[in-house]
Amino acid sequence: MQTSEIVLVGGSGKTGGRIIKRLEGRGLIIRAASRSSARPFDWEDRSTWRGALDGASSAYVAFQPDLAVAWAAEAIEALAKVAVECGLEHIVLLSGRGEEGARRSEAALIASGINATILRASWFCQNFSEGAFLEQIRAGRLQLPAGEISEPFIDADDIADAAVVALTDPGHRNRTYELTGPRSLTFRAAAAEIAAAAGRPIEYEQVSMADFTGGLADAGLPQGLIDLLEELFGQVLNGRNSNVVTGVAEILGRPATDFSEYARRTAATGTWKA
């Protein structure tokens, strides 16, 4: 039986909470690390890092707000150094698909010498149900600065399953998996599938970046999140990641969850009711 702990840096996020439930179900010793945890962890307060990592054998790391931000790679490099000093053997890093900031962060982690598993994920399905797009979906009108470029949306539950395998099976150390859904959809098509599953109309409108960010500000979203979404839609969503890959099958031995299944399952919870 495992006696040391697995620490979840970002344990309160979309993937972290799911991973914790799965690991606890296996009887493993888990520790969530966030600003509000018993051993607090704050990306902007490095004095908290050692206390959050000390005593753990491995860690799952989901950087906040996103590896696309300018200071992410340096933070990952510093965190890896602290992890090595604390005796951690392995880090599973949630990364993006080819963004410059993500590549720099991955390189910094690997250069530290610690065993690493990198999970490169496409856009989460859950952005429509647990993220910035939820209120627009509930209002019946999704307005985004995205046209006909498609994205193979990945279910956060698939990411959680992959992370659990990576954390518990040493055979997946020092490997990189690119995780996508099984097909690529435009945001317009995704909205249509959500509407079909929810049983009510949801319009999609492509808007300018200025109108998009202005609407987010009017809705009271924090400026940091607005800046991040502007970068993601303006630079990351450019078509280079529209292709579907088989990383989910490689690590889990099963197909990735289709967006329609995510939509059906989510609609059944009532999340998208007006």
Protein backbone atom coordinates (compact mmCIF):
# COMPACT_ATOMS: atom_id res chain seq x y z
CA MET A 1 0.00 0.00 0.00
CA GLN A 2 1.23 3.47 -0.87
CA THR A 3 2.39 5.34 2.24
CA SER A 4 3.48 8.63 0.68
CA GLU A 5 1.11 11.14 -0.81
CA ILE A 6 0.14 12.28 -4.27
CA VAL A 7 -0.27 16.04 -4.29
CA LEU A 8 -2.67 17.75 -6.69
CA VAL A 9 -1.46 21.27 -7.54
CA GLY A 10 -4.67 22.76 -8.82
CA GLY A 11 -6.83 20.28 -6.96
CA SER A 12 -9.86 22.57 -7.07
CA GLY A 13 -9.92 22.93 -10.86
CA LYS A 14 -11.84 21.13 -13.61
CA THR A 15 -9.41 18.22 -13.72
CA GLY A 16 -8.04 18.23 -10.17
CA GLY A 17 -11.32 17.49 -8.41
CA ARG A 18 -12.05 14.64 -10.80
CA ILE A 19 -8.60 13.14 -10.26
CA ILE A 20 -8.95 13.32 -6.48
CA LYS A 21 -12.23 11.36 -6.55
CA ARG A 22 -10.67 8.66 -8.70
CA LEU A 23 -7.54 8.32 -6.60
CA GLU A 24 -9.49 8.29 -3.33
CA GLY A 25 -11.61 5.51 -4.80
CA ARG A 26 -8.44 3.46 -5.06
CA GLY A 27 -7.61 4.06 -1.40
CA LEU A 28 -4.58 6.23 -2.16
CA ILE A 29 -3.35 9.07 0.00
CA ILE A 30 -4.18 12.35 -1.73
CA ARG A 31 -3.49 15.95 -0.89
CA ALA A 32 -5.06 18.87 -2.73
CA ALA A 33 -2.90 21.97 -2.96
CA SER A 34 -4.61 25.29 -3.62
CA ARG A 35 -4.88 28.70 -1.98
CA SER A 36 -7.60 27.41 0.36
CA SER A 37 -6.15 23.97 1.21
CA ALA A 38 -4.78 22.97 4.61
CA ARG A 39 -1.29 23.30 3.16
CA PRO A 40 -1.90 26.29 0.91
CA PHE A 41 -0.31 26.59 -2.51
CA ASP A 42 -0.26 29.86 -4.41
CA TRP A 43 1.49 30.19 -7.77
CA GLU A 44 2.23 33.82 -6.96
CA ASP A 45 3.63 33.11 -3.48
CA ARG A 46 6.58 30.75 -3.78
CA SER A 47 7.02 30.59 -0.03
CA THR A 48 4.01 28.23 -0.02
CA TRP A 49 5.43 25.72 -2.48
CA ARG A 50 7.74 23.69 -0.27
CA GLY A 51 5.16 23.15 2.44
CA ALA A 52 2.59 22.02 -0.12
CA LEU A 53 4.95 19.51 -1.77
CA ASP A 54 6.89 18.20 1.21
CA GLY A 55 6.22 14.53 1.98
CA ALA A 56 4.69 13.72 -1.41
CA SER A 57 6.03 11.13 -3.82
CA SER A 58 4.46 12.54 -6.97
CA ALA A 59 2.34 15.44 -8.15
CA TYR A 60 -0.23 16.40 -10.73
CA VAL A 61 0.32 19.99 -11.82
CA ALA A 62 -2.29 22.18 -13.52
CA PHE A 63 -0.84 25.67 -13.85
CA GLN A 64 -3.09 28.66 -13.23
CA PRO A 65 -4.17 30.66 -15.07
CA ASP A 66 -2.69 28.93 -18.16
CA LEU A 67 0.70 27.89 -19.52
CA ALA A 68 0.19 30.49 -22.26
CA VAL A 69 1.03 33.35 -19.84
CA ALA A 70 4.52 34.80 -20.07
CA TRP A 71 5.79 33.73 -16.64
CA ALA A 72 4.54 30.15 -16.72
CA ALA A 73 7.73 28.42 -17.91
CA GLU A 74 9.87 30.09 -15.27
CA ALA A 75 7.36 29.12 -12.61
CA ILE A 76 7.31 25.49 -13.77
CA GLU A 77 11.11 25.43 -13.74
CA ALA A 78 11.16 26.79 -10.17
CA LEU A 79 8.44 24.38 -9.03
CA ALA A 80 10.32 21.40 -10.48
CA LYS A 81 13.43 22.44 -8.57
CA VAL A 82 11.47 22.58 -5.30
CA ALA A 83 9.86 19.23 -6.10
CA VAL A 84 13.26 17.59 -6.59
CA GLU A 85 14.53 19.10 -3.34
CA CYS A 86 11.43 17.74 -1.56
CA GLY A 87 12.12 14.24 -2.85
CA LEU A 88 9.29 13.94 -5.36
CA GLU A 89 9.90 11.25 -7.97
CA HIS A 90 7.37 12.18 -10.63
CA ILE A 91 5.29 15.06 -11.97
CA VAL A 92 2.32 14.81 -14.33
CA LEU A 93 1.93 18.15 -16.11
CA LEU A 94 -1.30 19.26 -17.77
CA SER A 95 -0.16 21.09 -20.89
CA GLY A 96 -1.55 22.54 -24.09
CA ARG A 97 -1.18 21.51 -27.71
CA GLY A 98 1.86 23.25 -29.14
CA GLU A 99 1.45 26.73 -27.69
CA GLU A 100 4.80 28.44 -27.23
CA GLY A 101 4.32 28.90 -23.50
CA ALA A 102 3.37 25.26 -23.09
CA ARG A 103 6.44 24.09 -25.02
CA ARG A 104 8.72 26.22 -22.86
CA SER A 105 7.10 24.88 -19.69
CA GLU A 106 7.44 21.27 -20.83
CA ALA A 107 11.09 21.82 -21.66
CA ALA A 108 11.73 23.39 -18.26
CA LEU A 109 10.14 20.44 -16.48
CA ILE A 110 12.09 17.86 -18.46
CA ALA A 111 15.36 19.77 -17.94
CA SER A 112 14.91 19.50 -14.16
CA GLY A 113 15.65 15.77 -14.38
CA ILE A 114 12.52 14.68 -12.53
CA ASN A 115 10.45 11.88 -14.07
CA ALA A 116 7.68 13.59 -16.01
CA THR A 117 4.53 12.68 -17.87
CA ILE A 118 3.09 15.41 -20.08
CA LEU A 119 -0.59 15.45 -20.99
CA ARG A 120 -1.23 17.85 -23.88
CA ALA A 121 -4.95 18.57 -23.91
CA SER A 122 -7.18 20.26 -26.45
CA TRP A 123 -9.97 22.66 -25.39
CA PHE A 124 -12.12 21.18 -22.65
CA CYS A 125 -15.73 20.25 -23.34
CA GLN A 126 -16.41 21.55 -19.83
CA ASN A 127 -15.72 25.13 -20.91
CA PHE A 128 -19.36 25.04 -22.02
CA SER A 129 -20.67 23.75 -18.69
CA GLU A 130 -18.19 24.71 -15.97
CA GLY A 131 -16.34 27.64 -17.50
CA ALA A 132 -16.62 31.00 -19.16
CA PHE A 133 -19.27 29.98 -21.72
CA LEU A 134 -21.82 28.55 -19.29
CA GLU A 135 -23.93 31.65 -18.72
CA GLN A 136 -24.19 32.34 -22.45
CA ILE A 137 -25.36 28.76 -23.03
CA ARG A 138 -27.99 29.18 -20.32
CA ALA A 139 -29.08 32.45 -21.91
CA GLY A 140 -29.52 30.68 -25.24
CA ARG A 141 -27.00 32.68 -27.23
CA LEU A 142 -23.30 31.86 -27.52
CA GLN A 143 -21.25 34.78 -28.86
CA LEU A 144 -17.58 34.02 -29.56
CA PRO A 145 -14.83 35.36 -31.84
CA ALA A 146 -14.53 31.97 -33.56
CA GLY A 147 -15.56 31.18 -37.11
CA GLU A 148 -15.13 27.94 -39.01
CA ILE A 149 -11.95 26.73 -37.31
CA SER A 150 -12.68 23.45 -35.57
CA GLU A 151 -11.42 21.98 -32.30
CA PRO A 152 -11.41 18.34 -31.12
CA PHE A 153 -12.86 19.13 -27.68
CA ILE A 154 -11.67 16.76 -24.92
CA ASP A 155 -13.81 15.64 -22.00
CA ALA A 156 -12.20 16.55 -18.65
CA ASP A 157 -13.16 13.09 -17.41
CA ASP A 158 -10.86 11.59 -20.05
CA ILE A 159 -8.06 13.85 -18.88
CA ALA A 160 -8.67 12.77 -15.28
CA ASP A 161 -8.61 9.11 -16.26
CA ALA A 162 -5.34 9.63 -18.13
CA ALA A 163 -3.79 11.50 -15.20
CA VAL A 164 -4.72 8.71 -12.77
CA VAL A 165 -3.06 6.12 -15.01
CA ALA A 166 0.03 8.30 -15.34
CA LEU A 167 0.23 8.85 -11.58
CA THR A 168 -0.19 5.19 -10.65
CA ASP A 169 1.58 3.26 -13.43
CA PRO A 170 5.36 3.88 -13.67
CA GLY A 171 5.28 2.64 -17.25
CA HIS A 172 3.93 6.02 -18.32
CA ARG A 173 6.77 8.08 -16.88
CA ASN A 174 8.85 10.22 -19.23
CA ARG A 175 6.23 10.05 -21.95
CA THR A 176 4.03 12.64 -23.64
CA TYR A 177 0.40 12.05 -24.60
CA GLU A 178 -1.64 14.37 -26.79
CA LEU A 179 -5.29 14.16 -25.72
CA THR A 180 -8.17 15.13 -28.00
CA GLY A 181 -11.74 14.12 -28.56
CA PRO A 182 -12.54 11.70 -31.41
CA ARG A 183 -13.75 14.38 -33.85
CA SER A 184 -13.25 18.06 -34.50
CA LEU A 185 -16.15 20.55 -34.29
CA THR A 186 -16.55 24.27 -34.85
CA PHE A 187 -17.93 26.23 -31.93
CA ARG A 188 -21.11 26.70 -33.96
CA ALA A 189 -21.47 22.93 -34.33
CA ALA A 190 -20.74 22.43 -30.63
CA ALA A 191 -23.51 24.88 -29.73
CA ALA A 192 -25.91 23.00 -32.02
CA GLU A 193 -25.10 19.69 -30.33
CA ILE A 194 -25.63 21.23 -26.90
CA ALA A 195 -28.98 22.64 -28.08
CA ALA A 196 -30.07 19.22 -29.33
CA ALA A 197 -29.09 17.56 -26.05
CA ALA A 198 -30.67 20.28 -23.91
CA GLY A 199 -33.85 20.29 -25.97
CA ARG A 200 -33.97 24.04 -26.50
CA PRO A 201 -32.62 26.56 -29.00
CA ILE A 202 -29.12 27.95 -28.53
CA GLU A 203 -28.01 30.47 -31.14
CA TYR A 204 -24.39 30.91 -32.15
CA GLU A 205 -23.05 34.27 -33.29
CA GLN A 206 -19.52 35.05 -34.37
CA VAL A 207 -18.51 38.42 -32.95
CA SER A 208 -15.44 40.63 -33.10
CA MET A 209 -12.77 40.29 -30.46
CA ALA A 210 -13.58 43.76 -29.15
CA ASP A 211 -17.27 42.90 -28.74
CA PHE A 212 -16.34 39.59 -27.11
CA THR A 213 -13.98 41.04 -24.52
CA GLY A 214 -16.32 43.96 -23.89
CA GLY A 215 -19.16 41.57 -23.17
CA LEU A 216 -17.02 39.62 -20.74
CA ALA A 217 -16.08 42.80 -18.93
CA ASP A 218 -19.74 43.86 -18.74
CA ALA A 219 -20.52 40.44 -17.24
CA GLY A 220 -18.00 41.07 -14.49
CA LEU A 221 -15.34 38.53 -15.45
CA PRO A 222 -11.90 39.31 -14.02
CA GLN A 223 -9.49 41.05 -16.38
CA GLY A 224 -6.96 38.24 -16.12
CA LEU A 225 -9.47 35.73 -17.48
CA ILE A 226 -10.52 38.13 -20.22
CA ASP A 227 -6.90 38.61 -21.29
CA LEU A 228 -6.36 34.85 -21.32
CA LEU A 229 -9.46 34.19 -23.45
CA GLU A 230 -8.40 36.94 -25.84
CA GLU A 231 -5.04 35.25 -26.28
CA LEU A 232 -6.58 31.80 -26.68
CA PHE A 233 -9.06 32.91 -29.34
CA GLY A 234 -6.67 35.33 -31.00
CA GLN A 235 -3.53 33.19 -31.16
CA VAL A 236 -4.12 29.59 -30.10
CA LEU A 237 -7.33 28.89 -32.05
CA ASN A 238 -5.75 29.23 -35.48
CA GLY A 239 -6.44 25.82 -36.99
CA ARG A 240 -3.15 24.11 -36.23
CA ASN A 241 -4.76 21.98 -33.52
CA SER A 242 -7.88 20.93 -35.43
CA ASN A 243 -6.49 17.47 -36.10
CA VAL A 244 -7.63 14.50 -34.01
CA VAL A 245 -4.98 12.32 -32.36
CA THR A 246 -5.13 9.03 -30.47
CA GLY A 247 -3.46 9.84 -27.15
CA VAL A 248 -6.53 8.87 -25.12
CA ALA A 249 -6.56 5.40 -26.64
CA GLU A 250 -2.80 5.08 -26.18
CA ILE A 251 -2.89 5.69 -22.44
CA LEU A 252 -6.37 4.39 -21.58
CA GLY A 253 -6.90 1.61 -24.10
CA ARG A 254 -10.32 2.98 -25.08
CA PRO A 255 -11.65 5.68 -27.41
CA ALA A 256 -11.99 9.26 -26.28
CA THR A 257 -15.45 10.45 -25.23
CA ASP A 258 -17.40 12.02 -28.09
CA PHE A 259 -18.74 15.56 -27.67
CA SER A 260 -22.29 14.29 -28.17
CA GLU A 261 -21.92 11.95 -25.20
CA TYR A 262 -20.57 14.81 -23.08
CA ALA A 263 -23.53 16.98 -24.16
CA ARG A 264 -26.08 14.25 -23.44
CA ARG A 265 -24.59 13.51 -20.02
CA THR A 266 -24.35 17.18 -19.05
CA ALA A 267 -27.86 18.03 -20.25
CA ALA A 268 -29.24 15.26 -18.03
CA THR A 269 -27.89 17.10 -14.95
CA GLY A 270 -29.90 20.24 -15.74
CA THR A 271 -26.75 22.36 -15.98
CA TRP A 272 -27.94 24.14 -19.12
CA LYS A 273 -31.45 24.97 -18.00
CA ALA A 274 -32.30 28.63 -18.54
